[in-house]
Amino acid sequence: MSGGFRSRSRRSPRRDGRSEAQDRRSPAQRTQAVRAEKRGRALGVDKARAVAYEVIRAVHAEDAYGNIALSSLLRDRRMHGRDAAFATEITYGTLRTEGTLDRIIEHCSSRPLRDIDPLVLDALRLGAYQLLYTKVDAHAAVDTSVTIVGSMASQRVRGFANAILREISRHPREWWLDTLCPAGEIDALAFRYHHPRWIADSFSRVLGLGDLEAALEADSQRPTVHLAARPGEITAEELALSCGGEVGRYSPYAVYLPGGAPGDIPAVKEGMAAVQDEGSQLIARALVEAPLEGDDGGRWLDLCAGPGGKAALMGALARIEQAHVDAVEVSEHRSTLIRHAVTGLPVTVHTMDGRHPDLPGGYDRVLVDAPCSGLGSLRRRPEARWRKKESDIAELTALQWELLSSALRLVRPGGVVVYSTCSPDLRETRDIVDRAVAETGATELNAQELLPVAMPGVGDHLSVTLWPHRHGTDAMFFAALRRTD
């Protein structure tokens, strides 16, 4: 056919096997996907490695979240199955092991790490991870990474990258770990298990050295997806049966999901269940189970409620107990997420600062799930360990203290405040609680008695500390305080 026209009755097949009618993306989304695919092809490597490199660059250059950037690119490029699995493995693996890889790369480099172009350094990291932590053929790992470098740098820089990766490929992972392992037990474990020294030190102050290796290693394991069955609507047993999951060990609402997309589960679609770590479920339940002095008047408060998981579980339990929950969140965006999570439940969402909320006091139960360093959820965000700074903790502890002080003012005498963090760091946990007891006269209750079943290894204090390597949850802390004046 001449003139560049095509018959309308015979459309060319799409490369992804879908017709135009089947493609429900908007024109803007399709344009974005085409541009993303072209960027991948420009790197000169297969789709999986191109996606991995682009995500790693986005994390370092744009402060992107690796999981969000990866999901977006996989969706845009219609990647599924083995390609998507490989892209996920090398993306998360490279981000997680970054500090260890950097030490090895610098050892093999003729220049300091700070003098290597960030574009080149990320390609070196991607190649080094494949060489040391996967079964990828060494030639393929080196060649594809050098190809990425060659797509953006000179022949000389390409040779520089090739020399580094070939040197790394000469020895197995254990040789490198043994050769470059720093002196000192904590430093050595931090290097071998890919953590900044200060985080390993933080964990050791809680666990001691005996359990430190297991805790650091657990941060490199992909967490099992936990679901929370909504009380009064579906039981954990019913939910497990419907989705092929396993009833949780500790929370009466928990179900462990073996695989698949939780958003596709009918109970989740219908709002009868939600994705929620079992530790978070235990914290919300502890607030409701804590003994009060006097009757429960049904006024409950979640002072730091975004994005709404604990507020939703509290709301479901409040409906059973004929109580009501006020959920406070300072961010309008997160307030919107809470409203979505608590639809149909006796929960009122307030967008305000929890340190000075415009709410009358006299609450029976108050939850302070305080903003924290997030050291307990490192396994969920592979790049997070390298982004966090110890200097941030001082600012966080000041905020945590203000929020807990606010909660103790808002709760009635004889009422209970549960203080929780997704961090085991003592500065964010015991130090805050001990200060509250000393300065406000609050009485600390035995939080371990609020657990539905006996749980080993939750700590030697009245509070509870959960760990991935012991309990399969994120590393979380909670304590219960009663206002006594």
Protein backbone atom coordinates (compact mmCIF):
# COMPACT_ATOMS: atom_id res chain seq x y z
CA MET A 1 0.00 0.00 0.00
CA SER A 2 1.47 3.36 -1.06
CA GLY A 3 1.31 6.81 0.45
CA GLY A 4 1.99 5.65 4.04
CA PHE A 5 -1.67 4.84 4.80
CA ARG A 6 -2.86 1.58 6.36
CA SER A 7 -6.15 -0.14 5.93
CA ARG A 8 -8.47 0.60 8.86
CA SER A 9 -9.73 -2.95 8.69
CA ARG A 10 -6.31 -4.52 9.25
CA ARG A 11 -4.52 -2.98 12.21
CA SER A 12 -0.98 -3.95 12.95
CA PRO A 13 -0.71 -6.21 16.00
CA ARG A 14 0.57 -4.59 19.20
CA ARG A 15 3.87 -5.84 20.54
CA ASP A 16 2.34 -6.78 23.88
CA GLY A 17 -0.32 -8.90 22.18
CA ARG A 18 -3.21 -6.59 23.11
CA SER A 19 -5.49 -4.75 20.76
CA GLU A 20 -6.05 -1.01 21.08
CA ALA A 21 -9.51 -1.79 22.45
CA GLN A 22 -8.02 -3.99 25.18
CA ASP A 23 -5.54 -1.32 26.27
CA ARG A 24 -7.41 0.66 28.92
CA ARG A 25 -4.59 3.09 29.64
CA SER A 26 -5.22 6.75 28.96
CA PRO A 27 -3.40 8.39 26.03
CA ALA A 28 -1.08 10.11 28.52
CA GLN A 29 -0.29 6.80 30.22
CA ARG A 30 0.43 5.13 26.88
CA THR A 31 2.74 7.99 25.90
CA GLN A 32 4.56 7.73 29.21
CA ALA A 33 4.96 3.98 28.74
CA VAL A 34 6.38 4.41 25.22
CA ARG A 35 8.90 6.97 26.47
CA ALA A 36 9.92 4.68 29.33
CA GLU A 37 10.40 1.79 26.91
CA LYS A 38 12.58 3.95 24.66
CA ARG A 39 14.72 4.95 27.64
CA GLY A 40 15.19 1.28 28.43
CA ARG A 41 16.19 0.43 24.86
CA ALA A 42 18.66 3.36 24.85
CA LEU A 43 20.65 1.62 27.59
CA GLY A 44 21.28 -1.26 25.21
CA VAL A 45 20.38 -4.07 27.60
CA ASP A 46 17.42 -6.35 28.30
CA LYS A 47 14.23 -4.96 29.83
CA ALA A 48 14.79 -6.35 33.31
CA ARG A 49 18.24 -4.81 33.74
CA ALA A 50 17.11 -1.55 32.16
CA VAL A 51 14.25 -1.28 34.65
CA ALA A 52 16.53 -2.14 37.57
CA TYR A 53 19.06 0.51 36.58
CA GLU A 54 16.41 3.18 36.07
CA VAL A 55 14.87 2.49 39.49
CA ILE A 56 18.26 2.61 41.21
CA ARG A 57 19.00 5.92 39.49
CA ALA A 58 15.61 7.32 40.52
CA VAL A 59 16.28 6.34 44.14
CA HIS A 60 19.65 8.10 44.21
CA ALA A 61 18.96 11.08 41.95
CA GLU A 62 15.35 11.86 42.82
CA ASP A 63 14.91 10.39 46.34
CA ALA A 64 12.30 8.05 44.86
CA TYR A 65 10.96 5.10 46.83
CA GLY A 66 12.32 1.96 45.22
CA ASN A 67 9.15 -0.10 45.58
CA ILE A 68 6.94 2.62 44.07
CA ALA A 69 9.33 3.38 41.20
CA LEU A 70 9.72 -0.31 40.40
CA SER A 71 5.98 -1.01 40.43
CA SER A 72 5.40 1.94 38.10
CA LEU A 73 8.00 0.84 35.56
CA LEU A 74 6.91 -2.80 35.61
CA ARG A 75 3.36 -1.66 34.96
CA ASP A 76 4.33 0.80 32.21
CA ARG A 77 6.38 -1.78 30.37
CA ARG A 78 3.89 -4.59 30.87
CA MET A 79 6.51 -6.83 32.47
CA HIS A 80 5.35 -10.02 34.13
CA GLY A 81 6.64 -13.44 35.09
CA ARG A 82 10.36 -14.16 35.02
CA ASP A 83 11.37 -10.75 33.65
CA ALA A 84 9.53 -8.94 36.44
CA ALA A 85 10.88 -11.33 39.08
CA PHE A 86 14.46 -10.84 37.87
CA ALA A 87 14.07 -7.05 37.74
CA THR A 88 12.68 -7.07 41.28
CA GLU A 89 15.48 -9.27 42.62
CA ILE A 90 18.37 -7.25 41.20
CA THR A 91 16.74 -3.90 42.01
CA TYR A 92 15.97 -4.63 45.65
CA GLY A 93 19.17 -6.62 46.10
CA THR A 94 21.38 -3.84 44.78
CA LEU A 95 19.66 -1.22 46.93
CA ARG A 96 19.78 -3.39 50.04
CA THR A 97 23.48 -4.33 49.76
CA GLU A 98 24.67 -0.91 48.62
CA GLY A 99 27.07 -0.20 51.48
CA THR A 100 28.77 -3.58 51.15
CA LEU A 101 28.99 -3.27 47.36
CA ASP A 102 30.48 0.21 47.65
CA ARG A 103 33.30 -1.02 49.87
CA ILE A 104 34.13 -3.75 47.35
CA ILE A 105 33.91 -1.39 44.35
CA GLU A 106 36.15 1.18 46.02
CA HIS A 107 38.70 -1.51 46.83
CA CYS A 108 38.89 -2.39 43.11
CA SER A 109 38.84 1.20 41.87
CA SER A 110 41.75 3.46 41.00
CA ARG A 111 39.83 6.44 42.37
CA PRO A 112 37.79 7.12 45.53
CA LEU A 113 34.09 6.31 45.42
CA ARG A 114 33.18 9.99 45.67
CA ASP A 115 35.04 10.66 42.39
CA ILE A 116 33.08 8.09 40.37
CA ASP A 117 30.25 9.53 38.29
CA PRO A 118 26.96 8.57 40.03
CA LEU A 119 25.58 7.28 36.71
CA VAL A 120 28.55 4.94 36.40
CA LEU A 121 28.55 3.98 40.07
CA ASP A 122 24.96 2.74 39.92
CA ALA A 123 25.81 0.55 36.92
CA LEU A 124 28.80 -0.84 38.85
CA ARG A 125 26.58 -1.58 41.84
CA LEU A 126 24.08 -3.40 39.63
CA GLY A 127 26.82 -5.49 38.05
CA ALA A 128 28.56 -6.23 41.35
CA TYR A 129 25.32 -7.41 42.93
CA GLN A 130 24.72 -9.86 40.08
CA LEU A 131 28.29 -11.16 40.33
CA LEU A 132 28.26 -11.68 44.09
CA TYR A 133 24.67 -12.39 45.09
CA THR A 134 23.00 -14.14 42.14
CA LYS A 135 23.65 -17.10 39.86
CA VAL A 136 23.82 -14.86 36.79
CA ASP A 137 26.67 -15.80 34.43
CA ALA A 138 29.66 -13.59 35.22
CA HIS A 139 30.21 -12.64 31.58
CA ALA A 140 26.57 -11.52 31.26
CA ALA A 141 26.73 -9.49 34.48
CA VAL A 142 29.90 -7.70 33.41
CA ASP A 143 28.95 -7.21 29.77
CA THR A 144 25.48 -5.77 30.42
CA SER A 145 26.71 -3.40 33.12
CA VAL A 146 29.55 -2.17 30.90
CA THR A 147 27.01 -1.71 28.09
CA ILE A 148 24.94 0.55 30.37
CA VAL A 149 28.06 2.60 31.13
CA GLY A 150 28.91 2.75 27.43
CA SER A 151 25.50 4.18 26.61
CA MET A 152 26.29 7.35 28.56
CA ALA A 153 30.08 7.64 28.92
CA SER A 154 33.30 7.56 26.92
CA GLN A 155 35.27 4.50 25.86
CA ARG A 156 37.79 5.27 28.60
CA VAL A 157 35.10 5.21 31.29
CA ARG A 158 33.71 2.01 29.79
CA GLY A 159 37.16 0.46 30.19
CA PHE A 160 37.32 1.70 33.79
CA ALA A 161 34.01 0.00 34.59
CA ASN A 162 35.03 -3.18 32.80
CA ALA A 163 38.25 -3.42 34.83
CA ILE A 164 36.45 -3.01 38.16
CA LEU A 165 33.78 -5.60 37.41
CA ARG A 166 36.28 -8.11 36.07
CA GLU A 167 38.34 -7.72 39.22
CA ILE A 168 35.24 -8.31 41.36
CA SER A 169 34.37 -11.40 39.29
CA ARG A 170 37.72 -13.01 40.11
CA HIS A 171 36.60 -13.93 43.63
CA PRO A 172 33.39 -15.27 45.20
CA ARG A 173 31.31 -13.27 47.67
CA GLU A 174 32.70 -14.91 50.80
CA TRP A 175 36.26 -14.09 49.76
CA TRP A 176 35.36 -10.44 49.45
CA LEU A 177 33.45 -10.39 52.74
CA ASP A 178 36.34 -12.05 54.57
CA THR A 179 39.00 -9.89 52.91
CA LEU A 180 37.34 -6.54 53.51
CA CYS A 181 35.62 -7.35 56.81
CA PRO A 182 36.38 -4.59 59.34
CA ALA A 183 37.67 -5.25 62.83
CA GLY A 184 35.21 -5.34 65.70
CA GLU A 185 32.20 -7.62 66.01
CA ILE A 186 29.50 -5.02 65.39
CA ASP A 187 31.36 -3.45 62.46
CA ALA A 188 31.89 -6.88 60.93
CA LEU A 189 28.23 -7.86 61.22
CA ALA A 190 27.09 -4.49 59.87
CA PHE A 191 29.32 -4.96 56.80
CA ARG A 192 28.40 -8.58 56.18
CA TYR A 193 24.65 -7.98 56.56
CA HIS A 194 24.51 -4.60 54.82
CA HIS A 195 23.65 -2.10 57.56
CA PRO A 196 25.22 1.20 58.58
CA ARG A 197 27.23 0.73 61.75
CA TRP A 198 24.97 3.03 63.77
CA ILE A 199 21.88 0.91 63.06
CA ALA A 200 23.68 -2.29 64.02
CA ASP A 201 24.82 -0.56 67.19
CA SER A 202 21.24 0.55 67.93
CA PHE A 203 19.95 -3.00 67.61
CA SER A 204 22.77 -4.40 69.75
CA ARG A 205 21.85 -2.08 72.63
CA VAL A 206 18.46 -3.79 72.77
CA LEU A 207 19.34 -7.36 71.83
CA GLY A 208 22.94 -7.75 72.90
CA LEU A 209 25.50 -9.29 70.58
CA GLY A 210 24.05 -12.80 70.82
CA ASP A 211 20.99 -12.06 68.68
CA LEU A 212 22.38 -9.25 66.57
CA GLU A 213 23.42 -11.37 63.60
CA ALA A 214 19.97 -12.97 63.32
CA ALA A 215 18.27 -9.57 63.53
CA LEU A 216 20.44 -8.03 60.81
CA GLU A 217 20.06 -11.07 58.57
CA ALA A 218 16.26 -10.93 58.93
CA ASP A 219 16.29 -7.41 57.46
CA SER A 220 17.43 -8.96 54.18
CA GLN A 221 14.50 -11.37 53.97
CA ARG A 222 11.35 -10.46 52.09
CA PRO A 223 8.50 -10.27 54.65
CA THR A 224 5.44 -12.46 54.44
CA VAL A 225 2.28 -10.50 53.67
CA HIS A 226 -0.01 -10.33 56.72
CA LEU A 227 -3.73 -9.71 56.45
CA ALA A 228 -6.03 -8.48 59.22
CA ALA A 229 -9.53 -9.93 59.28
CA ARG A 230 -11.97 -7.21 60.30
CA PRO A 231 -13.61 -8.19 63.62
CA GLY A 232 -17.37 -8.55 63.37
CA GLU A 233 -17.25 -9.16 59.60
CA ILE A 234 -14.99 -12.15 59.00
CA THR A 235 -12.87 -14.40 61.19
CA ALA A 236 -9.23 -15.20 60.59
CA GLU A 237 -10.20 -18.82 59.94
CA GLU A 238 -12.76 -17.80 57.32
CA LEU A 239 -10.31 -15.40 55.69
CA ALA A 240 -7.54 -18.01 55.58
CA LEU A 241 -9.89 -20.52 53.99
CA SER A 242 -11.05 -18.04 51.36
CA CYS A 243 -7.57 -16.92 50.28
CA GLY A 244 -5.51 -20.05 50.85
CA GLY A 245 -3.59 -18.42 53.69
CA GLU A 246 -2.53 -19.55 57.14
CA VAL A 247 -4.01 -18.31 60.43
CA GLY A 248 -1.47 -16.17 62.30
CA ARG A 249 0.40 -17.33 65.36
CA TYR A 250 -0.31 -14.38 67.64
CA SER A 251 -3.04 -11.95 66.61
CA PRO A 252 -6.57 -13.40 66.56
CA TYR A 253 -7.16 -11.44 63.33
CA ALA A 254 -3.97 -12.33 61.45
CA VAL A 255 -3.65 -14.40 58.29
CA TYR A 256 -0.35 -15.07 56.52
CA LEU A 257 -0.64 -14.88 52.75
CA PRO A 258 1.66 -17.32 50.90
CA GLY A 259 1.79 -15.27 47.69
CA GLY A 260 -0.17 -13.44 45.06
CA ALA A 261 -1.61 -9.95 45.04
CA PRO A 262 -3.57 -9.19 48.24
CA GLY A 263 -5.61 -6.57 46.40
CA ASP A 264 -7.17 -9.34 44.31
CA ILE A 265 -8.61 -11.15 47.35
CA PRO A 266 -12.41 -10.69 47.52
CA ALA A 267 -12.41 -10.00 51.28
CA VAL A 268 -9.86 -7.22 50.78
CA LYS A 269 -11.82 -5.75 47.87
CA GLU A 270 -14.97 -5.76 50.00
CA GLY A 271 -13.30 -4.08 53.00
CA MET A 272 -13.59 -7.11 55.28
CA ALA A 273 -9.80 -7.51 55.46
CA ALA A 274 -6.72 -5.38 54.90
CA VAL A 275 -2.97 -5.76 54.60
CA GLN A 276 -1.51 -5.11 58.05
CA ASP A 277 1.56 -6.42 59.83
CA GLU A 278 0.67 -8.73 62.69
CA GLY A 279 2.61 -6.51 65.09
CA SER A 280 0.39 -3.55 64.24
CA GLN A 281 -2.66 -5.68 64.93
CA LEU A 282 -1.31 -6.59 68.36
CA ILE A 283 -0.76 -2.91 69.22
CA ALA A 284 -4.31 -1.86 68.28
CA ARG A 285 -5.72 -4.82 70.20
CA ALA A 286 -3.58 -4.02 73.26
CA LEU A 287 -5.13 -0.57 73.52
CA VAL A 288 -8.64 -2.03 73.53
CA GLU A 289 -7.74 -4.80 76.01
CA ALA A 290 -5.88 -2.60 78.52
CA PRO A 291 -7.62 -2.47 81.93
CA LEU A 292 -9.10 0.88 82.95
CA GLU A 293 -9.92 2.30 86.32
CA GLY A 294 -13.66 2.87 86.14
CA ASP A 295 -16.01 2.16 83.27
CA ASP A 296 -15.11 2.53 79.62
CA GLY A 297 -17.14 5.49 78.37
CA GLY A 298 -16.44 4.56 74.75
CA ARG A 299 -14.27 7.58 73.87
CA TRP A 300 -11.16 6.34 72.09
CA LEU A 301 -8.48 8.36 70.31
CA ASP A 302 -5.82 7.53 67.71
CA LEU A 303 -3.52 10.55 67.93
CA CYS A 304 -1.23 9.77 64.93
CA ALA A 305 -3.61 7.83 62.77
CA GLY A 306 -2.23 7.96 59.22
CA PRO A 307 -2.42 5.99 57.00
CA GLY A 308 -5.26 4.34 58.92
CA GLY A 309 -4.52 0.66 59.50
CA LYS A 310 -4.65 0.76 63.29
CA ALA A 311 -7.57 3.22 63.24
CA ALA A 312 -9.54 0.80 61.08
CA LEU A 313 -8.93 -2.12 63.43
CA MET A 314 -9.74 0.06 66.43
CA GLY A 315 -12.91 1.18 64.65
CA ALA A 316 -14.02 -2.39 64.02
CA LEU A 317 -13.48 -3.23 67.69
CA ALA A 318 -15.19 0.02 68.73
CA ARG A 319 -18.26 -0.99 66.74
CA ILE A 320 -18.44 -4.24 68.72
CA GLU A 321 -17.93 -2.40 72.03
CA GLN A 322 -20.32 0.44 71.07
CA ALA A 323 -17.48 2.94 71.31
CA HIS A 324 -16.29 5.73 69.00
CA VAL A 325 -12.82 6.58 67.71
CA ASP A 326 -11.45 10.03 66.95
CA ALA A 327 -8.56 9.72 64.49
CA VAL A 328 -6.12 12.65 64.32
CA GLU A 329 -3.67 13.18 61.46
CA VAL A 330 -1.69 16.32 60.63
CA SER A 331 -1.44 15.59 56.89
CA GLU A 332 -4.47 16.17 54.66
CA HIS A 333 -3.31 13.48 52.24
CA ARG A 334 -2.96 10.89 54.98
CA SER A 335 -6.30 11.98 56.43
CA THR A 336 -7.85 11.05 53.10
CA LEU A 337 -6.24 7.62 53.33
CA ILE A 338 -7.69 7.17 56.82
CA ARG A 339 -11.19 8.10 55.67
CA HIS A 340 -10.96 5.46 52.98
CA ALA A 341 -9.68 2.84 55.45
CA VAL A 342 -12.42 3.45 58.06
CA THR A 343 -15.42 3.66 55.73
CA GLY A 344 -18.51 2.35 57.53
CA LEU A 345 -16.86 2.33 60.96
CA PRO A 346 -17.52 4.57 64.00
CA VAL A 347 -14.45 6.70 63.34
CA THR A 348 -14.26 10.48 62.87
CA VAL A 349 -11.14 11.80 61.14
CA HIS A 350 -9.67 15.16 62.20
CA THR A 351 -6.89 16.89 60.27
CA MET A 352 -4.89 18.63 63.00
CA ASP A 353 -1.63 18.52 64.90
CA GLY A 354 -1.68 15.79 67.56
CA ARG A 355 0.54 17.88 69.82
CA HIS A 356 -2.20 20.51 70.21
CA PRO A 357 -5.46 18.99 68.94
CA ASP A 358 -8.63 21.03 69.24
CA LEU A 359 -10.46 18.21 71.01
CA PRO A 360 -11.95 17.97 74.51
CA GLY A 361 -10.07 15.73 76.91
CA GLY A 362 -11.44 12.85 78.92
CA TYR A 363 -10.67 9.97 76.55
CA ASP A 364 -10.75 6.48 77.96
CA ARG A 365 -8.12 5.07 75.59
CA VAL A 366 -5.48 6.86 73.51
CA LEU A 367 -3.07 5.38 71.00
CA VAL A 368 0.15 7.23 70.17
CA ASP A 369 1.67 5.41 67.21
CA ALA A 370 4.41 8.00 67.01
CA PRO A 371 6.35 9.08 63.93
CA CYS A 372 9.74 7.40 64.25
CA SER A 373 12.94 6.44 62.47
CA GLY A 374 11.31 3.35 60.95
CA LEU A 375 14.30 1.15 61.82
CA GLY A 376 11.87 -1.69 62.43
CA SER A 377 10.66 -1.88 58.83
CA LEU A 378 13.95 -1.89 56.92
CA ARG A 379 13.15 -5.20 55.22
CA ARG A 380 10.21 -3.52 53.46
CA ARG A 381 12.22 -0.61 52.01
CA PRO A 382 15.62 -1.82 50.82
CA GLU A 383 17.14 1.64 50.30
CA ALA A 384 15.92 3.05 53.62
CA ARG A 385 18.85 1.87 55.74
CA TRP A 386 21.28 3.95 53.67
CA ARG A 387 19.07 7.06 53.70
CA LYS A 388 18.46 7.30 57.42
CA LYS A 389 20.79 9.32 59.61
CA GLU A 390 21.39 8.93 63.31
CA SER A 391 21.18 12.70 63.67
CA ASP A 392 17.47 12.50 62.74
CA ILE A 393 16.64 10.69 65.98
CA ALA A 394 17.10 13.73 68.22
CA GLU A 395 14.43 15.63 66.27
CA LEU A 396 12.13 12.61 66.29
CA THR A 397 12.42 12.03 70.03
CA ALA A 398 11.44 15.64 70.70
CA LEU A 399 8.30 15.12 68.60
CA GLN A 400 7.57 11.76 70.23
CA TRP A 401 7.77 13.29 73.68
CA GLU A 402 5.40 16.10 72.74
CA LEU A 403 2.86 13.64 71.33
CA LEU A 404 2.98 11.35 74.35
CA SER A 405 2.65 14.35 76.67
CA SER A 406 -0.39 15.47 74.67
CA ALA A 407 -1.93 12.01 74.96
CA LEU A 408 -1.46 11.94 78.72
CA ARG A 409 -3.26 15.29 78.97
CA LEU A 410 -6.14 14.10 76.77
CA VAL A 411 -6.75 10.79 78.54
CA ARG A 412 -8.90 10.82 81.67
CA PRO A 413 -7.54 9.83 85.08
CA GLY A 414 -7.62 6.03 85.17
CA GLY A 415 -7.54 5.88 81.37
CA VAL A 416 -4.81 4.23 79.32
CA VAL A 417 -2.34 5.46 76.73
CA VAL A 418 -0.52 2.97 74.50
CA TYR A 419 2.70 4.37 73.05
CA SER A 420 4.16 2.55 70.04
CA THR A 421 6.88 2.91 67.41
CA CYS A 422 8.07 0.94 64.41
CA SER A 423 11.58 1.25 65.77
CA PRO A 424 13.39 -0.66 68.52
CA ASP A 425 15.89 2.15 69.19
CA LEU A 426 16.01 2.78 72.94
CA ARG A 427 16.04 6.54 72.47
CA GLU A 428 12.63 6.31 70.79
CA THR A 429 11.19 3.63 73.08
CA ARG A 430 12.23 3.02 76.67
CA ASP A 431 13.79 6.46 77.12
CA ILE A 432 10.51 8.18 76.15
CA VAL A 433 8.39 5.91 78.36
CA ASP A 434 10.73 6.18 81.34
CA ARG A 435 10.65 9.96 81.05
CA ALA A 436 6.85 9.94 80.98
CA VAL A 437 6.71 7.88 84.16
CA ALA A 438 9.25 10.13 85.89
CA GLU A 439 7.83 13.50 84.83
CA THR A 440 4.07 12.94 84.65
CA GLY A 441 3.50 10.39 87.39
CA ALA A 442 1.87 7.94 84.96
CA THR A 443 1.95 4.28 85.92
CA GLU A 444 3.39 1.80 83.45
CA LEU A 445 1.23 -1.30 83.02
CA ASN A 446 2.48 -4.74 82.04
CA ALA A 447 2.02 -4.59 78.27
CA GLN A 448 3.09 -8.21 77.93
CA GLU A 449 -0.12 -9.20 79.69
CA LEU A 450 -2.07 -7.50 76.89
CA LEU A 451 -0.80 -9.98 74.30
CA PRO A 452 -3.40 -12.60 73.30
CA VAL A 453 -0.89 -15.44 73.71
CA ALA A 454 2.46 -15.81 75.43
CA MET A 455 5.22 -14.60 73.11
CA PRO A 456 8.86 -15.43 73.84
CA GLY A 457 11.60 -12.87 73.53
CA VAL A 458 9.54 -9.67 73.78
CA GLY A 459 11.87 -8.02 76.30
CA ASP A 460 12.76 -7.87 79.98
CA HIS A 461 10.71 -4.76 80.78
CA LEU A 462 6.96 -4.24 81.14
CA SER A 463 6.89 -3.12 77.51
CA VAL A 464 6.89 -5.31 74.39
CA THR A 465 9.49 -5.33 71.61
CA LEU A 466 8.78 -7.48 68.57
CA TRP A 467 11.42 -8.61 66.06
CA PRO A 468 11.39 -10.09 62.54
CA HIS A 469 13.78 -12.91 63.45
CA ARG A 470 11.81 -13.86 66.58
CA HIS A 471 8.19 -13.15 65.72
CA GLY A 472 7.99 -12.64 61.96
CA THR A 473 6.70 -9.08 62.44
CA ASP A 474 8.38 -5.77 61.85
CA ALA A 475 10.53 -4.63 64.78
CA MET A 476 7.96 -2.79 66.88
CA PHE A 477 7.71 -1.47 70.41
CA PHE A 478 4.74 -0.66 72.60
CA ALA A 479 4.13 0.26 76.22
CA ALA A 480 0.95 0.96 78.18
CA LEU A 481 0.62 3.88 80.62
CA ARG A 482 -2.22 4.75 82.98
CA ARG A 483 -2.88 8.32 84.01
CA THR A 484 -3.09 8.34 87.79
CA ASP A 485 -3.87 11.96 88.79
